[in-house]
Amino acid sequence: MDRPLRLITSNPVDSLARVIEALLVVASQPLTLDELAEATADDIERIETALGLVRERYSEGRSGIVLQHVAGGYAFGAAREAAEACARLFERPVERGLSQAAIETVAIVAYLGPVSRPEIAQIRGVAADSAVASLVERGLIAEAGRESSPGGAVRYRVTALFERVFGLESLAALPRLDDIGADQAAICDRLLEVAEARAS
């Protein structure tokens, strides 16, 4: 006796999760909840539920790629165990490491930006031209207008790539300077001096 064919129905949220998965694969940058909602023509609450399913599928220890909440949106990235191999394959400048000068400079831009080269030089105590040029080339900082004075210097801010590379959801996720340690007191003082000078 033939059994009747049973229709296989798909869970709508699971189907939405597969669509989101595809969107994240083809996207060149992290997608926000609003962008995902617009692309899928679905509501934010269901998007968040579907993202939870995607996060379960792509979690550390289960997959070579993981779902990350970075740069104000969602994106796939390499799992920790695969990150080094990915860096070798693509030889991206960011993964090759930053010089001490570049690290100091990008930290200043992240905490104080938009900030100009003269301000960076004032804080570091040395010229910042080379470090700024290197960070712009790597896509970690970008121009953000000019100072209002005649012949005003170019100001710089960190980019979404900076947030993504350093695994930050937003700049608000940066550690507070006073939480880093007592040996950073001089940096805090110099940052505050420049911030006060800019405000006056």
N, C-alpha and C. Protein backbone atom coordinates (compact mmCIF):
# COMPACT_ATOMS: atom_id res chain seq x y z
N MET A 1 0.84 -1.18 0.00
CA MET A 1 0.00 0.00 0.00
C MET A 1 0.88 1.25 0.00
N ASP A 2 0.67 2.07 -0.99
CA ASP A 2 1.47 3.29 -1.09
C ASP A 2 1.11 4.28 0.00
N ARG A 3 2.16 4.85 0.59
CA ARG A 3 1.93 5.89 1.59
C ARG A 3 1.72 7.23 0.89
N PRO A 4 0.84 8.07 1.41
CA PRO A 4 0.64 9.38 0.79
C PRO A 4 1.91 10.23 0.95
N LEU A 5 2.21 11.01 -0.09
CA LEU A 5 3.37 11.89 -0.02
C LEU A 5 3.13 12.97 1.02
N ARG A 6 4.14 13.21 1.84
CA ARG A 6 4.01 14.26 2.86
C ARG A 6 4.72 15.51 2.37
N LEU A 7 4.03 16.61 2.42
CA LEU A 7 4.63 17.87 2.02
C LEU A 7 5.62 18.32 3.10
N ILE A 8 6.80 18.68 2.65
CA ILE A 8 7.81 19.17 3.60
C ILE A 8 7.71 20.68 3.64
N THR A 9 7.35 21.19 4.78
CA THR A 9 7.24 22.65 4.91
C THR A 9 8.47 23.18 5.62
N SER A 10 8.90 24.33 5.21
CA SER A 10 10.09 24.94 5.80
C SER A 10 9.68 25.96 6.84
N ASN A 11 10.43 26.01 7.92
CA ASN A 11 10.21 27.02 8.95
C ASN A 11 10.52 28.39 8.34
N PRO A 12 9.58 29.34 8.39
CA PRO A 12 9.81 30.64 7.76
C PRO A 12 11.04 31.37 8.30
N VAL A 13 11.31 31.26 9.59
CA VAL A 13 12.49 31.94 10.15
C VAL A 13 13.76 31.27 9.66
N ASP A 14 13.73 29.94 9.52
CA ASP A 14 14.89 29.22 9.00
C ASP A 14 15.14 29.63 7.55
N SER A 15 14.08 29.80 6.79
CA SER A 15 14.21 30.26 5.41
C SER A 15 14.80 31.67 5.36
N LEU A 16 14.34 32.54 6.25
CA LEU A 16 14.87 33.90 6.34
C LEU A 16 16.35 33.87 6.72
N ALA A 17 16.73 32.96 7.62
CA ALA A 17 18.13 32.83 8.02
C ALA A 17 19.00 32.47 6.83
N ARG A 18 18.51 31.60 5.94
CA ARG A 18 19.27 31.23 4.74
C ARG A 18 19.44 32.42 3.80
N VAL A 19 18.40 33.24 3.68
CA VAL A 19 18.48 34.44 2.84
C VAL A 19 19.51 35.41 3.44
N ILE A 20 19.46 35.61 4.74
CA ILE A 20 20.42 36.50 5.42
C ILE A 20 21.83 35.98 5.23
N GLU A 21 21.99 34.69 5.36
CA GLU A 21 23.30 34.06 5.16
C GLU A 21 23.84 34.41 3.78
N ALA A 22 23.00 34.31 2.75
CA ALA A 22 23.42 34.64 1.38
C ALA A 22 23.77 36.12 1.26
N LEU A 23 22.98 37.00 1.87
CA LEU A 23 23.26 38.43 1.82
C LEU A 23 24.61 38.75 2.44
N LEU A 24 24.91 38.11 3.57
CA LEU A 24 26.19 38.36 4.25
C LEU A 24 27.37 37.84 3.43
N VAL A 25 27.14 36.77 2.67
CA VAL A 25 28.22 36.22 1.84
C VAL A 25 28.55 37.17 0.69
N VAL A 26 27.53 37.76 0.07
CA VAL A 26 27.78 38.61 -1.10
C VAL A 26 28.11 40.05 -0.74
N ALA A 27 27.82 40.48 0.49
CA ALA A 27 28.06 41.87 0.90
C ALA A 27 29.56 42.14 1.03
N SER A 28 29.96 43.34 0.63
CA SER A 28 31.38 43.71 0.72
C SER A 28 31.71 44.38 2.05
N GLN A 29 30.69 44.66 2.86
CA GLN A 29 30.91 45.29 4.17
C GLN A 29 29.80 44.82 5.11
N PRO A 30 29.97 45.03 6.42
CA PRO A 30 28.94 44.61 7.37
C PRO A 30 27.59 45.24 7.05
N LEU A 31 26.51 44.47 7.22
CA LEU A 31 25.15 44.94 6.96
C LEU A 31 24.44 45.21 8.28
N THR A 32 23.78 46.35 8.37
CA THR A 32 23.04 46.70 9.58
C THR A 32 21.70 45.98 9.59
N LEU A 33 21.03 46.01 10.74
CA LEU A 33 19.69 45.42 10.83
C LEU A 33 18.75 46.07 9.83
N ASP A 34 18.83 47.39 9.70
CA ASP A 34 17.96 48.10 8.76
C ASP A 34 18.22 47.66 7.32
N GLU A 35 19.49 47.50 6.97
CA GLU A 35 19.82 47.06 5.60
C GLU A 35 19.32 45.64 5.35
N LEU A 36 19.47 44.77 6.35
CA LEU A 36 18.96 43.40 6.20
C LEU A 36 17.45 43.39 6.09
N ALA A 37 16.77 44.23 6.89
CA ALA A 37 15.31 44.30 6.84
C ALA A 37 14.84 44.81 5.48
N GLU A 38 15.54 45.81 4.95
CA GLU A 38 15.17 46.34 3.63
C GLU A 38 15.39 45.31 2.53
N ALA A 39 16.52 44.62 2.57
CA ALA A 39 16.84 43.64 1.53
C ALA A 39 15.90 42.44 1.56
N THR A 40 15.48 42.03 2.75
CA THR A 40 14.61 40.86 2.88
C THR A 40 13.13 41.21 2.91
N ALA A 41 12.83 42.52 2.99
CA ALA A 41 11.44 42.98 3.13
C ALA A 41 10.78 42.31 4.33
N ASP A 42 11.53 42.27 5.43
CA ASP A 42 11.02 41.64 6.65
C ASP A 42 11.24 42.58 7.82
N ASP A 43 10.65 42.24 8.97
CA ASP A 43 10.77 43.15 10.12
C ASP A 43 11.99 42.84 10.97
N ILE A 44 12.42 43.85 11.72
CA ILE A 44 13.65 43.77 12.53
C ILE A 44 13.61 42.62 13.52
N GLU A 45 12.49 42.40 14.17
CA GLU A 45 12.40 41.35 15.18
C GLU A 45 12.68 39.98 14.57
N ARG A 46 12.10 39.72 13.40
CA ARG A 46 12.35 38.42 12.74
C ARG A 46 13.80 38.34 12.23
N ILE A 47 14.35 39.48 11.80
CA ILE A 47 15.74 39.51 11.37
C ILE A 47 16.65 39.11 12.53
N GLU A 48 16.39 39.66 13.71
CA GLU A 48 17.22 39.35 14.89
C GLU A 48 17.10 37.87 15.25
N THR A 49 15.90 37.31 15.15
CA THR A 49 15.71 35.88 15.43
C THR A 49 16.48 35.03 14.42
N ALA A 50 16.38 35.43 13.14
CA ALA A 50 17.08 34.69 12.08
C ALA A 50 18.60 34.80 12.25
N LEU A 51 19.08 35.97 12.66
CA LEU A 51 20.52 36.13 12.90
C LEU A 51 20.99 35.20 14.02
N GLY A 52 20.12 34.98 15.01
CA GLY A 52 20.45 34.03 16.08
C GLY A 52 20.68 32.63 15.52
N LEU A 53 19.87 32.23 14.55
CA LEU A 53 20.05 30.92 13.90
C LEU A 53 21.37 30.88 13.13
N VAL A 54 21.65 31.96 12.40
CA VAL A 54 22.90 32.02 11.63
C VAL A 54 24.10 31.97 12.58
N ARG A 55 24.00 32.68 13.70
CA ARG A 55 25.08 32.69 14.69
C ARG A 55 25.33 31.28 15.23
N GLU A 56 24.26 30.51 15.45
CA GLU A 56 24.42 29.13 15.94
C GLU A 56 25.12 28.27 14.90
N ARG A 57 24.74 28.43 13.64
CA ARG A 57 25.34 27.63 12.57
C ARG A 57 26.82 27.94 12.40
N TYR A 58 27.15 29.20 12.56
CA TYR A 58 28.52 29.66 12.34
C TYR A 58 29.10 30.17 13.65
N SER A 59 29.48 29.28 14.51
CA SER A 59 30.05 29.65 15.80
C SER A 59 31.42 29.03 15.95
N GLU A 60 32.23 29.63 16.82
CA GLU A 60 33.59 29.10 17.07
C GLU A 60 33.50 27.62 17.43
N GLY A 61 34.37 26.83 16.84
CA GLY A 61 34.41 25.41 17.13
C GLY A 61 33.49 24.57 16.25
N ARG A 62 32.54 25.22 15.57
CA ARG A 62 31.62 24.49 14.69
C ARG A 62 31.89 24.77 13.23
N SER A 63 32.53 25.92 12.96
CA SER A 63 32.70 26.35 11.57
C SER A 63 33.99 27.14 11.42
N GLY A 64 34.51 27.15 10.20
CA GLY A 64 35.72 27.93 9.92
C GLY A 64 35.42 29.41 9.78
N ILE A 65 34.14 29.75 9.59
CA ILE A 65 33.75 31.15 9.58
C ILE A 65 32.75 31.39 10.69
N VAL A 66 32.72 32.61 11.18
CA VAL A 66 31.82 32.96 12.28
C VAL A 66 31.06 34.23 11.93
N LEU A 67 29.88 34.37 12.51
CA LEU A 67 29.10 35.59 12.36
C LEU A 67 29.62 36.60 13.38
N GLN A 68 29.98 37.79 12.91
CA GLN A 68 30.51 38.83 13.79
C GLN A 68 29.59 40.05 13.77
N HIS A 69 29.46 40.70 14.92
CA HIS A 69 28.76 41.98 15.01
C HIS A 69 29.85 43.04 15.09
N VAL A 70 30.19 43.63 13.95
CA VAL A 70 31.30 44.57 13.87
C VAL A 70 30.91 45.78 13.04
N ALA A 71 31.58 46.90 13.31
CA ALA A 71 31.41 48.13 12.53
C ALA A 71 29.94 48.50 12.37
N GLY A 72 29.15 48.27 13.42
CA GLY A 72 27.75 48.64 13.40
C GLY A 72 26.84 47.72 12.62
N GLY A 73 27.37 46.60 12.17
CA GLY A 73 26.56 45.66 11.38
C GLY A 73 27.00 44.23 11.59
N TYR A 74 26.55 43.36 10.68
CA TYR A 74 26.85 41.93 10.78
C TYR A 74 27.64 41.50 9.55
N ALA A 75 28.63 40.63 9.77
CA ALA A 75 29.46 40.15 8.68
C ALA A 75 30.05 38.80 9.07
N PHE A 76 30.43 38.02 8.06
CA PHE A 76 31.15 36.79 8.31
C PHE A 76 32.64 37.11 8.40
N GLY A 77 33.33 36.40 9.28
CA GLY A 77 34.77 36.54 9.42
C GLY A 77 35.38 35.18 9.68
N ALA A 78 36.68 35.11 9.62
CA ALA A 78 37.37 33.85 9.86
C ALA A 78 37.33 33.50 11.35
N ALA A 79 37.12 32.23 11.64
CA ALA A 79 37.21 31.76 13.02
C ALA A 79 38.65 31.92 13.49
N ARG A 80 38.86 31.99 14.80
CA ARG A 80 40.20 32.19 15.34
C ARG A 80 41.20 31.16 14.80
N GLU A 81 40.78 29.91 14.71
CA GLU A 81 41.71 28.87 14.28
C GLU A 81 42.08 28.99 12.80
N ALA A 82 41.30 29.74 12.01
CA ALA A 82 41.56 29.89 10.58
C ALA A 82 42.14 31.25 10.21
N ALA A 83 42.14 32.20 11.15
CA ALA A 83 42.52 33.58 10.83
C ALA A 83 43.94 33.69 10.29
N GLU A 84 44.88 32.97 10.88
CA GLU A 84 46.28 33.06 10.45
C GLU A 84 46.46 32.55 9.03
N ALA A 85 45.80 31.45 8.70
CA ALA A 85 45.90 30.90 7.34
C ALA A 85 45.28 31.86 6.33
N CYS A 86 44.17 32.50 6.70
CA CYS A 86 43.52 33.47 5.80
C CYS A 86 44.44 34.66 5.56
N ALA A 87 45.10 35.13 6.61
CA ALA A 87 46.01 36.26 6.48
C ALA A 87 47.16 35.92 5.54
N ARG A 88 47.68 34.69 5.63
CA ARG A 88 48.77 34.27 4.74
C ARG A 88 48.29 34.20 3.30
N LEU A 89 47.08 33.73 3.08
CA LEU A 89 46.55 33.60 1.72
C LEU A 89 46.41 34.95 1.05
N PHE A 90 45.83 35.90 1.74
CA PHE A 90 45.55 37.19 1.12
C PHE A 90 46.66 38.21 1.33
N GLU A 91 47.53 37.97 2.31
CA GLU A 91 48.64 38.87 2.62
C GLU A 91 48.17 40.32 2.72
N ARG A 92 47.05 40.50 3.42
CA ARG A 92 46.54 41.86 3.59
C ARG A 92 47.48 42.64 4.50
N PRO A 93 47.77 43.91 4.15
CA PRO A 93 48.69 44.71 4.97
C PRO A 93 48.27 44.79 6.43
N VAL A 94 46.98 44.85 6.70
CA VAL A 94 46.51 44.96 8.08
C VAL A 94 46.97 43.78 8.91
N GLU A 95 46.88 42.56 8.30
CA GLU A 95 47.25 41.36 9.05
C GLU A 95 48.76 41.23 9.22
N ARG A 96 49.54 41.96 8.40
CA ARG A 96 50.99 41.85 8.53
C ARG A 96 51.51 42.62 9.73
N GLY A 97 50.63 43.27 10.42
CA GLY A 97 51.03 43.96 11.64
C GLY A 97 51.29 45.43 11.40
N LEU A 98 51.19 46.19 12.46
CA LEU A 98 51.39 47.63 12.42
C LEU A 98 52.63 47.99 13.23
N SER A 99 53.33 49.01 12.78
CA SER A 99 54.49 49.49 13.54
C SER A 99 54.00 50.14 14.82
N GLN A 100 54.92 50.35 15.76
CA GLN A 100 54.55 51.02 17.01
C GLN A 100 54.01 52.42 16.73
N ALA A 101 54.63 53.12 15.77
CA ALA A 101 54.16 54.47 15.42
C ALA A 101 52.74 54.43 14.86
N ALA A 102 52.46 53.43 14.02
CA ALA A 102 51.12 53.31 13.43
C ALA A 102 50.09 52.96 14.51
N ILE A 103 50.47 52.11 15.45
CA ILE A 103 49.55 51.73 16.53
C ILE A 103 49.21 52.95 17.38
N GLU A 104 50.24 53.73 17.74
CA GLU A 104 50.00 54.94 18.53
C GLU A 104 49.12 55.92 17.77
N THR A 105 49.39 56.07 16.47
CA THR A 105 48.64 57.02 15.65
C THR A 105 47.18 56.60 15.50
N VAL A 106 46.94 55.34 15.19
CA VAL A 106 45.55 54.90 15.01
C VAL A 106 44.79 54.96 16.33
N ALA A 107 45.47 54.75 17.44
CA ALA A 107 44.82 54.88 18.75
C ALA A 107 44.39 56.32 18.99
N ILE A 108 45.26 57.27 18.65
CA ILE A 108 44.93 58.69 18.82
C ILE A 108 43.73 59.06 17.96
N VAL A 109 43.74 58.60 16.70
CA VAL A 109 42.64 58.91 15.78
C VAL A 109 41.35 58.28 16.29
N ALA A 110 41.43 57.05 16.79
CA ALA A 110 40.23 56.36 17.28
C ALA A 110 39.63 57.09 18.48
N TYR A 111 40.48 57.53 19.40
CA TYR A 111 39.98 58.17 20.62
C TYR A 111 39.64 59.65 20.44
N LEU A 112 40.37 60.36 19.57
CA LEU A 112 40.18 61.80 19.45
C LEU A 112 39.57 62.25 18.13
N GLY A 113 39.51 61.36 17.14
CA GLY A 113 39.11 61.75 15.79
C GLY A 113 37.76 62.42 15.72
N PRO A 114 37.55 63.27 14.70
CA PRO A 114 38.57 63.58 13.69
C PRO A 114 39.68 64.46 14.25
N VAL A 115 40.90 64.15 13.85
CA VAL A 115 42.09 64.81 14.38
C VAL A 115 43.08 65.02 13.23
N SER A 116 43.87 66.10 13.31
CA SER A 116 44.81 66.43 12.23
C SER A 116 46.21 65.88 12.52
N ARG A 117 47.05 65.89 11.48
CA ARG A 117 48.44 65.44 11.66
C ARG A 117 49.17 66.28 12.70
N PRO A 118 49.05 67.62 12.67
CA PRO A 118 49.74 68.41 13.71
C PRO A 118 49.30 68.02 15.12
N GLU A 119 48.01 67.72 15.31
CA GLU A 119 47.54 67.31 16.63
C GLU A 119 48.12 65.95 17.02
N ILE A 120 48.18 65.05 16.05
CA ILE A 120 48.77 63.73 16.31
C ILE A 120 50.24 63.89 16.69
N ALA A 121 50.96 64.74 15.93
CA ALA A 121 52.38 64.98 16.21
C ALA A 121 52.57 65.59 17.59
N GLN A 122 51.66 66.49 17.98
CA GLN A 122 51.75 67.12 19.30
C GLN A 122 51.60 66.08 20.41
N ILE A 123 50.69 65.15 20.22
CA ILE A 123 50.46 64.12 21.24
C ILE A 123 51.62 63.14 21.29
N ARG A 124 52.08 62.69 20.11
CA ARG A 124 53.16 61.69 20.08
C ARG A 124 54.54 62.30 20.33
N GLY A 125 54.68 63.60 20.04
CA GLY A 125 55.98 64.23 20.23
C GLY A 125 56.91 64.05 19.05
N VAL A 126 56.44 63.45 17.96
CA VAL A 126 57.24 63.27 16.73
C VAL A 126 56.31 63.46 15.53
N ALA A 127 56.89 63.68 14.35
CA ALA A 127 56.10 63.85 13.14
C ALA A 127 55.25 62.61 12.88
N ALA A 128 54.06 62.86 12.31
CA ALA A 128 53.12 61.76 12.10
C ALA A 128 52.85 61.46 10.63
N ASP A 129 53.56 62.12 9.72
CA ASP A 129 53.27 62.00 8.29
C ASP A 129 53.32 60.55 7.79
N SER A 130 54.40 59.86 8.11
CA SER A 130 54.59 58.49 7.62
C SER A 130 53.53 57.54 8.19
N ALA A 131 53.28 57.64 9.48
CA ALA A 131 52.30 56.75 10.12
C ALA A 131 50.90 57.01 9.57
N VAL A 132 50.54 58.28 9.38
CA VAL A 132 49.21 58.61 8.84
C VAL A 132 49.08 58.07 7.43
N ALA A 133 50.10 58.30 6.59
CA ALA A 133 50.06 57.81 5.20
C ALA A 133 49.91 56.29 5.16
N SER A 134 50.61 55.58 6.04
CA SER A 134 50.52 54.13 6.10
C SER A 134 49.12 53.68 6.48
N LEU A 135 48.51 54.34 7.46
CA LEU A 135 47.17 53.96 7.91
C LEU A 135 46.11 54.27 6.86
N VAL A 136 46.29 55.38 6.13
CA VAL A 136 45.36 55.70 5.04
C VAL A 136 45.47 54.64 3.95
N GLU A 137 46.70 54.25 3.61
CA GLU A 137 46.93 53.23 2.58
C GLU A 137 46.29 51.90 2.97
N ARG A 138 46.33 51.57 4.23
CA ARG A 138 45.75 50.30 4.69
C ARG A 138 44.24 50.38 4.87
N GLY A 139 43.68 51.57 4.75
CA GLY A 139 42.24 51.73 4.86
C GLY A 139 41.72 51.80 6.28
N LEU A 140 42.63 52.00 7.25
CA LEU A 140 42.21 52.05 8.65
C LEU A 140 41.76 53.44 9.09
N ILE A 141 42.28 54.47 8.42
CA ILE A 141 41.80 55.83 8.69
C ILE A 141 41.51 56.49 7.35
N ALA A 142 40.69 57.56 7.39
CA ALA A 142 40.32 58.28 6.16
C ALA A 142 40.14 59.75 6.47
N GLU A 143 40.21 60.58 5.43
CA GLU A 143 40.01 62.01 5.60
C GLU A 143 38.59 62.29 6.09
N ALA A 144 38.48 63.29 6.97
CA ALA A 144 37.18 63.67 7.52
C ALA A 144 37.07 65.18 7.56
N GLY A 145 37.38 65.84 6.43
CA GLY A 145 37.28 67.30 6.35
C GLY A 145 38.57 67.98 6.73
N ARG A 146 38.46 69.31 6.85
CA ARG A 146 39.63 70.12 7.20
C ARG A 146 39.32 71.02 8.38
N GLU A 147 40.39 71.50 9.04
CA GLU A 147 40.22 72.47 10.11
C GLU A 147 39.66 73.76 9.50
N SER A 148 38.93 74.53 10.29
CA SER A 148 38.24 75.72 9.79
C SER A 148 39.17 76.90 9.50
N SER A 149 40.37 76.89 10.06
CA SER A 149 41.30 78.00 9.84
C SER A 149 41.79 78.02 8.40
N PRO A 150 42.24 79.19 7.88
CA PRO A 150 42.76 79.26 6.51
C PRO A 150 43.89 78.26 6.30
N GLY A 151 43.84 77.53 5.20
CA GLY A 151 44.84 76.49 4.94
C GLY A 151 44.78 75.37 5.95
N GLY A 152 43.57 75.15 6.48
CA GLY A 152 43.38 74.17 7.55
C GLY A 152 43.87 72.78 7.21
N ALA A 153 44.46 72.14 8.20
CA ALA A 153 45.00 70.78 8.01
C ALA A 153 43.86 69.77 7.84
N VAL A 154 44.16 68.72 7.11
CA VAL A 154 43.21 67.63 6.92
C VAL A 154 43.01 66.91 8.24
N ARG A 155 41.77 66.57 8.55
CA ARG A 155 41.45 65.82 9.77
C ARG A 155 41.17 64.37 9.38
N TYR A 156 41.45 63.45 10.28
CA TYR A 156 41.29 62.02 10.02
C TYR A 156 40.40 61.36 11.06
N ARG A 157 39.69 60.33 10.62
CA ARG A 157 38.86 59.50 11.48
C ARG A 157 39.14 58.05 11.13
N VAL A 158 38.81 57.15 12.04
CA VAL A 158 38.96 55.73 11.73
C VAL A 158 37.80 55.30 10.84
N THR A 159 38.00 54.19 10.13
CA THR A 159 37.02 53.70 9.17
C THR A 159 36.28 52.48 9.71
N ALA A 160 35.28 52.05 8.94
CA ALA A 160 34.57 50.82 9.29
C ALA A 160 35.51 49.63 9.24
N LEU A 161 36.52 49.68 8.35
CA LEU A 161 37.50 48.59 8.29
C LEU A 161 38.27 48.50 9.60
N PHE A 162 38.62 49.64 10.19
CA PHE A 162 39.29 49.64 11.50
C PHE A 162 38.43 48.87 12.51
N GLU A 163 37.14 49.23 12.57
CA GLU A 163 36.24 48.56 13.52
C GLU A 163 36.17 47.07 13.24
N ARG A 164 36.12 46.71 11.95
CA ARG A 164 36.00 45.30 11.60
C ARG A 164 37.28 44.53 11.94
N VAL A 165 38.43 45.11 11.56
CA VAL A 165 39.71 44.43 11.81
C VAL A 165 39.95 44.23 13.31
N PHE A 166 39.55 45.23 14.11
CA PHE A 166 39.78 45.13 15.55
C PHE A 166 38.58 44.54 16.30
N GLY A 167 37.58 44.05 15.54
CA GLY A 167 36.45 43.35 16.15
C GLY A 167 35.57 44.22 17.02
N LEU A 168 35.40 45.49 16.64
CA LEU A 168 34.59 46.41 17.43
C LEU A 168 33.21 46.59 16.81
N GLU A 169 32.19 46.51 17.63
CA GLU A 169 30.84 46.79 17.14
C GLU A 169 30.72 48.27 16.77
N SER A 170 31.36 49.13 17.56
CA SER A 170 31.42 50.57 17.30
C SER A 170 32.57 51.13 18.12
N LEU A 171 32.87 52.42 17.93
CA LEU A 171 33.95 53.04 18.71
C LEU A 171 33.64 53.08 20.20
N ALA A 172 32.36 52.99 20.54
CA ALA A 172 31.98 52.97 21.96
C ALA A 172 32.54 51.73 22.66
N ALA A 173 32.90 50.70 21.88
CA ALA A 173 33.44 49.47 22.46
C ALA A 173 34.93 49.57 22.78
N LEU A 174 35.57 50.69 22.41
CA LEU A 174 36.98 50.87 22.75
C LEU A 174 37.15 50.88 24.27
N PRO A 175 38.24 50.31 24.77
CA PRO A 175 38.46 50.38 26.23
C PRO A 175 38.69 51.81 26.66
N ARG A 176 38.20 52.15 27.86
CA ARG A 176 38.44 53.48 28.40
C ARG A 176 39.91 53.62 28.73
N LEU A 177 40.48 54.78 28.43
CA LEU A 177 41.91 54.98 28.67
C LEU A 177 42.29 54.76 30.12
N ASP A 178 41.42 55.19 31.05
CA ASP A 178 41.79 55.03 32.46
C ASP A 178 41.67 53.59 32.94
N ASP A 179 41.10 52.69 32.09
CA ASP A 179 41.03 51.27 32.44
C ASP A 179 42.25 50.50 31.95
N ILE A 180 43.05 51.13 31.08
CA ILE A 180 44.18 50.41 30.47
C ILE A 180 45.31 50.21 31.47
N GLY A 181 45.52 51.17 32.36
CA GLY A 181 46.58 51.00 33.34
C GLY A 181 47.21 52.32 33.74
N ALA A 182 47.83 52.34 34.90
CA ALA A 182 48.41 53.57 35.44
C ALA A 182 49.53 54.10 34.56
N ASP A 183 50.25 53.22 33.83
CA ASP A 183 51.37 53.67 33.01
C ASP A 183 50.90 54.48 31.80
N GLN A 184 49.60 54.56 31.59
CA GLN A 184 49.06 55.33 30.48
C GLN A 184 48.65 56.74 30.90
N ALA A 185 48.96 57.13 32.12
CA ALA A 185 48.54 58.45 32.64
C ALA A 185 49.05 59.59 31.77
N ALA A 186 50.30 59.50 31.30
CA ALA A 186 50.86 60.58 30.48
C ALA A 186 50.08 60.72 29.17
N ILE A 187 49.70 59.59 28.58
CA ILE A 187 48.91 59.63 27.34
C ILE A 187 47.57 60.29 27.61
N CYS A 188 46.93 59.91 28.69
CA CYS A 188 45.63 60.51 29.05
C CYS A 188 45.77 62.02 29.19
N ASP A 189 46.82 62.47 29.88
CA ASP A 189 47.02 63.90 30.10
C ASP A 189 47.19 64.63 28.77
N ARG A 190 47.99 64.04 27.86
CA ARG A 190 48.23 64.69 26.58
C ARG A 190 46.98 64.69 25.72
N LEU A 191 46.21 63.62 25.75
CA LEU A 191 44.95 63.58 25.00
C LEU A 191 43.99 64.65 25.52
N LEU A 192 43.92 64.78 26.84
CA LEU A 192 43.04 65.78 27.43
C LEU A 192 43.48 67.20 27.07
N GLU A 193 44.79 67.45 27.07
CA GLU A 193 45.30 68.77 26.71
C GLU A 193 44.88 69.15 25.29
N VAL A 194 45.04 68.20 24.36
CA VAL A 194 44.70 68.47 22.96
C VAL A 194 43.18 68.65 22.82
N ALA A 195 42.43 67.80 23.52
CA ALA A 195 40.97 67.91 23.44
C ALA A 195 40.49 69.28 23.96
N GLU A 196 41.12 69.74 25.05
CA GLU A 196 40.74 71.04 25.63
C GLU A 196 41.14 72.17 24.68
N ALA A 197 42.31 72.05 24.04
CA ALA A 197 42.77 73.07 23.11
C ALA A 197 41.83 73.16 21.92
N ARG A 198 41.33 72.01 21.46
CA ARG A 198 40.40 71.98 20.33
C ARG A 198 39.06 72.60 20.70
N ALA A 199 38.65 72.43 21.94
CA ALA A 199 37.34 72.93 22.38
C ALA A 199 37.36 74.44 22.60
N SER A 200 38.55 74.99 22.86
CA SER A 200 38.63 76.44 23.17
C SER A 200 38.65 77.30 21.92
